[in-house]
PDB file of N, CA and C in Angstrom:
ATOM      1  N   MET A   1       0.857  -1.165   0.000  1.00  0.00           N
ATOM      2  CA  MET A   1       0.000   0.000   0.000  1.00  0.00           C
ATOM      3  C   MET A   1       0.899   1.221   0.000  1.00  0.00           C
ATOM      4  N   GLU A   2       0.534   2.222  -0.769  1.00  0.00           N
ATOM      5  CA  GLU A   2       1.261   3.477  -0.785  1.00  0.00           C
ATOM      6  C   GLU A   2       0.369   4.593  -0.263  1.00  0.00           C
ATOM      7  N   ILE A   3       0.957   5.473   0.536  1.00  0.00           N
ATOM      8  CA  ILE A   3       0.217   6.623   1.055  1.00  0.00           C
ATOM      9  C   ILE A   3       1.018   7.882   0.776  1.00  0.00           C
ATOM     10  N   THR A   4       0.331   9.008   0.751  1.00  0.00           N
ATOM     11  CA  THR A   4       0.994  10.288   0.574  1.00  0.00           C
ATOM     12  C   THR A   4       1.256  10.872   1.960  1.00  0.00           C
ATOM     13  N   VAL A   5       2.500  11.289   2.179  1.00  0.00           N
ATOM     14  CA  VAL A   5       2.901  11.850   3.467  1.00  0.00           C
ATOM     15  C   VAL A   5       3.268  13.311   3.251  1.00  0.00           C
ATOM     16  N   ASP A   6       2.752  14.190   4.123  1.00  0.00           N
ATOM     17  CA  ASP A   6       3.094  15.612   4.022  1.00  0.00           C
ATOM     18  C   ASP A   6       4.604  15.784   4.069  1.00  0.00           C
ATOM     19  N   GLY A   7       5.119  16.580   3.152  1.00  0.00           N
ATOM     20  CA  GLY A   7       6.546  16.863   3.129  1.00  0.00           C
ATOM     21  C   GLY A   7       7.351  15.893   2.282  1.00  0.00           C
ATOM     22  N   GLU A   8       6.742  14.831   1.806  1.00  0.00           N
ATOM     23  CA  GLU A   8       7.439  13.856   0.966  1.00  0.00           C
ATOM     24  C   GLU A   8       7.043  14.077  -0.492  1.00  0.00           C
ATOM     25  N   ALA A   9       8.013  13.995  -1.401  1.00  0.00           N
ATOM     26  CA  ALA A   9       7.750  14.214  -2.815  1.00  0.00           C
ATOM     27  C   ALA A   9       7.046  13.026  -3.452  1.00  0.00           C
ATOM     28  N   GLU A  10       7.352  11.834  -2.993  1.00  0.00           N
ATOM     29  CA  GLU A  10       6.807  10.609  -3.558  1.00  0.00           C
ATOM     30  C   GLU A  10       5.943   9.890  -2.527  1.00  0.00           C
ATOM     31  N   PRO A  11       4.988   9.077  -2.975  1.00  0.00           N
ATOM     32  CA  PRO A  11       4.225   8.247  -2.025  1.00  0.00           C
ATOM     33  C   PRO A  11       5.156   7.299  -1.270  1.00  0.00           C
ATOM     34  N   VAL A  12       4.780   6.951  -0.063  1.00  0.00           N
ATOM     35  CA  VAL A  12       5.573   6.078   0.797  1.00  0.00           C
ATOM     36  C   VAL A  12       4.895   4.712   0.852  1.00  0.00           C
ATOM     37  N   THR A  13       5.689   3.648   0.679  1.00  0.00           N
ATOM     38  CA  THR A  13       5.142   2.302   0.762  1.00  0.00           C
ATOM     39  C   THR A  13       4.991   1.917   2.225  1.00  0.00           C
ATOM     40  N   VAL A  14       3.812   1.419   2.574  1.00  0.00           N
ATOM     41  CA  VAL A  14       3.518   1.020   3.944  1.00  0.00           C
ATOM     42  C   VAL A  14       3.013  -0.416   3.931  1.00  0.00           C
ATOM     43  N   LYS A  15       3.580  -1.233   4.809  1.00  0.00           N
ATOM     44  CA  LYS A  15       3.092  -2.601   4.956  1.00  0.00           C
ATOM     45  C   LYS A  15       1.938  -2.558   5.947  1.00  0.00           C
ATOM     46  N   LEU A  16       0.759  -2.910   5.456  1.00  0.00           N
ATOM     47  CA  LEU A  16      -0.453  -2.748   6.245  1.00  0.00           C
ATOM     48  C   LEU A  16      -0.394  -3.514   7.561  1.00  0.00           C
ATOM     49  N   GLY A  17       0.142  -4.715   7.566  1.00  0.00           N
ATOM     50  CA  GLY A  17       0.247  -5.502   8.794  1.00  0.00           C
ATOM     51  C   GLY A  17       1.115  -4.831   9.842  1.00  0.00           C
ATOM     52  N   VAL A  18       2.211  -4.249   9.393  1.00  0.00           N
ATOM     53  CA  VAL A  18       3.116  -3.542  10.313  1.00  0.00           C
ATOM     54  C   VAL A  18       2.422  -2.304  10.858  1.00  0.00           C
ATOM     55  N   TRP A  19       1.731  -1.566   9.982  1.00  0.00           N
ATOM     56  CA  TRP A  19       1.022  -0.370  10.428  1.00  0.00           C
ATOM     57  C   TRP A  19      -0.039  -0.721  11.465  1.00  0.00           C
ATOM     58  N   LEU A  20      -0.806  -1.790  11.189  1.00  0.00           N
ATOM     59  CA  LEU A  20      -1.854  -2.195  12.106  1.00  0.00           C
ATOM     60  C   LEU A  20      -1.282  -2.619  13.455  1.00  0.00           C
ATOM     61  N   SER A  21      -0.203  -3.385  13.424  1.00  0.00           N
ATOM     62  CA  SER A  21       0.453  -3.820  14.664  1.00  0.00           C
ATOM     63  C   SER A  21       0.953  -2.617  15.466  1.00  0.00           C
ATOM     64  N   ASN A  22       1.581  -1.666  14.783  1.00  0.00           N
ATOM     65  CA  ASN A  22       2.075  -0.465  15.468  1.00  0.00           C
ATOM     66  C   ASN A  22       0.929   0.348  16.055  1.00  0.00           C
ATOM     67  N   THR A  23      -0.148   0.485  15.294  1.00  0.00           N
ATOM     68  CA  THR A  23      -1.300   1.247  15.774  1.00  0.00           C
ATOM     69  C   THR A  23      -1.905   0.607  17.012  1.00  0.00           C
ATOM     70  N   LYS A  24      -2.063  -0.712  16.981  1.00  0.00           N
ATOM     71  CA  LYS A  24      -2.636  -1.415  18.132  1.00  0.00           C
ATOM     72  C   LYS A  24      -1.733  -1.315  19.355  1.00  0.00           C
ATOM     73  N   SER A  25      -0.420  -1.422  19.151  1.00  0.00           N
ATOM     74  CA  SER A  25       0.487  -1.379  20.293  1.00  0.00           C
ATOM     75  C   SER A  25       0.588   0.022  20.895  1.00  0.00           C
ATOM     76  N   ARG A  26       0.235   1.043  20.116  1.00  0.00           N
ATOM     77  CA  ARG A  26       0.326   2.428  20.600  1.00  0.00           C
ATOM     78  C   ARG A  26      -1.042   3.061  20.826  1.00  0.00           C
ATOM     79  N   ARG A  27      -2.098   2.247  20.872  1.00  0.00           N
ATOM     80  CA  ARG A  27      -3.445   2.808  20.956  1.00  0.00           C
ATOM     81  C   ARG A  27      -3.676   3.652  22.197  1.00  0.00           C
ATOM     82  N   ASP A  28      -2.919   3.412  23.277  1.00  0.00           N
ATOM     83  CA  ASP A  28      -3.107   4.224  24.490  1.00  0.00           C
ATOM     84  C   ASP A  28      -2.634   5.660  24.293  1.00  0.00           C
ATOM     85  N   LYS A  29      -1.884   5.932  23.209  1.00  0.00           N
ATOM     86  CA  LYS A  29      -1.397   7.276  22.925  1.00  0.00           C
ATOM     87  C   LYS A  29      -2.244   7.999  21.874  1.00  0.00           C
ATOM     88  N   LEU A  30      -3.250   7.311  21.319  1.00  0.00           N
ATOM     89  CA  LEU A  30      -4.088   7.919  20.301  1.00  0.00           C
ATOM     90  C   LEU A  30      -5.134   8.822  20.945  1.00  0.00           C
ATOM     91  N   ILE A  31      -5.480   9.888  20.229  1.00  0.00           N
ATOM     92  CA  ILE A  31      -6.525  10.776  20.732  1.00  0.00           C
ATOM     93  C   ILE A  31      -7.889  10.223  20.313  1.00  0.00           C
ATOM     94  N   ALA A  32      -8.943  10.727  20.916  1.00  0.00           N
ATOM     95  CA  ALA A  32     -10.297  10.227  20.686  1.00  0.00           C
ATOM     96  C   ALA A  32     -10.685  10.258  19.206  1.00  0.00           C
ATOM     97  N   GLU A  33     -10.299  11.311  18.487  1.00  0.00           N
ATOM     98  CA  GLU A  33     -10.634  11.410  17.057  1.00  0.00           C
ATOM     99  C   GLU A  33      -9.970  10.300  16.252  1.00  0.00           C
ATOM    100  N   GLN A  34      -8.732   9.967  16.594  1.00  0.00           N
ATOM    101  CA  GLN A  34      -8.030   8.895  15.892  1.00  0.00           C
ATOM    102  C   GLN A  34      -8.686   7.549  16.180  1.00  0.00           C
ATOM    103  N   LEU A  35      -9.059   7.326  17.436  1.00  0.00           N
ATOM    104  CA  LEU A  35      -9.718   6.074  17.800  1.00  0.00           C
ATOM    105  C   LEU A  35     -11.062   5.941  17.086  1.00  0.00           C
ATOM    106  N   ALA A  36     -11.797   7.048  16.983  1.00  0.00           N
ATOM    107  CA  ALA A  36     -13.091   7.028  16.301  1.00  0.00           C
ATOM    108  C   ALA A  36     -12.908   6.724  14.815  1.00  0.00           C
ATOM    109  N   ALA A  37     -11.887   7.301  14.198  1.00  0.00           N
ATOM    110  CA  ALA A  37     -11.627   7.058  12.777  1.00  0.00           C
ATOM    111  C   ALA A  37     -11.259   5.594  12.544  1.00  0.00           C
ATOM    112  N   LEU A  38     -10.451   5.022  13.417  1.00  0.00           N
ATOM    113  CA  LEU A  38     -10.071   3.610  13.287  1.00  0.00           C
ATOM    114  C   LEU A  38     -11.275   2.703  13.497  1.00  0.00           C
ATOM    115  N   ALA A  39     -12.135   3.043  14.445  1.00  0.00           N
ATOM    116  CA  ALA A  39     -13.333   2.262  14.685  1.00  0.00           C
ATOM    117  C   ALA A  39     -14.248   2.298  13.464  1.00  0.00           C
ATOM    118  N   ALA A  40     -14.316   3.470  12.816  1.00  0.00           N
ATOM    119  CA  ALA A  40     -15.145   3.603  11.614  1.00  0.00           C
ATOM    120  C   ALA A  40     -14.609   2.740  10.483  1.00  0.00           C
ATOM    121  N   LEU A  41     -13.304   2.486  10.477  1.00  0.00           N
ATOM    122  CA  LEU A  41     -12.703   1.617   9.469  1.00  0.00           C
ATOM    123  C   LEU A  41     -12.886   0.140   9.806  1.00  0.00           C
ATOM    124  N   GLY A  42     -13.365  -0.119  11.023  1.00  0.00           N
ATOM    125  CA  GLY A  42     -13.604  -1.509  11.425  1.00  0.00           C
ATOM    126  C   GLY A  42     -12.406  -2.173  12.092  1.00  0.00           C
ATOM    127  N   VAL A  43     -11.475  -1.377  12.628  1.00  0.00           N
ATOM    128  CA  VAL A  43     -10.309  -1.939  13.319  1.00  0.00           C
ATOM    129  C   VAL A  43     -10.763  -2.629  14.595  1.00  0.00           C
ATOM    130  N   GLN A  44     -10.423  -3.888  14.739  1.00  0.00           N
ATOM    131  CA  GLN A  44     -10.756  -4.668  15.928  1.00  0.00           C
ATOM    132  C   GLN A  44      -9.571  -4.652  16.898  1.00  0.00           C
ATOM    133  N   TRP A  45      -9.813  -4.272  18.137  1.00  0.00           N
ATOM    134  CA  TRP A  45      -8.726  -4.173  19.105  1.00  0.00           C
ATOM    135  C   TRP A  45      -8.473  -5.466  19.845  1.00  0.00           C
ATOM    136  N   ALA A  46      -9.440  -6.332  19.934  1.00  0.00           N
ATOM    137  CA  ALA A  46      -9.264  -7.564  20.700  1.00  0.00           C
ATOM    138  C   ALA A  46      -8.733  -8.683  19.853  1.00  0.00           C
TER     139      ALA A  46
END
């Protein structure tokens, strides 16, 4: 998967499994808006 990152000239390749693992492991640092957006995408925390 490629995403556009502010400040980068080219899209950045992201491995979705790694991103999901990182997001889940850092969920205690996410703000309410980020958690709501992830929930809307159907991210399962358990």
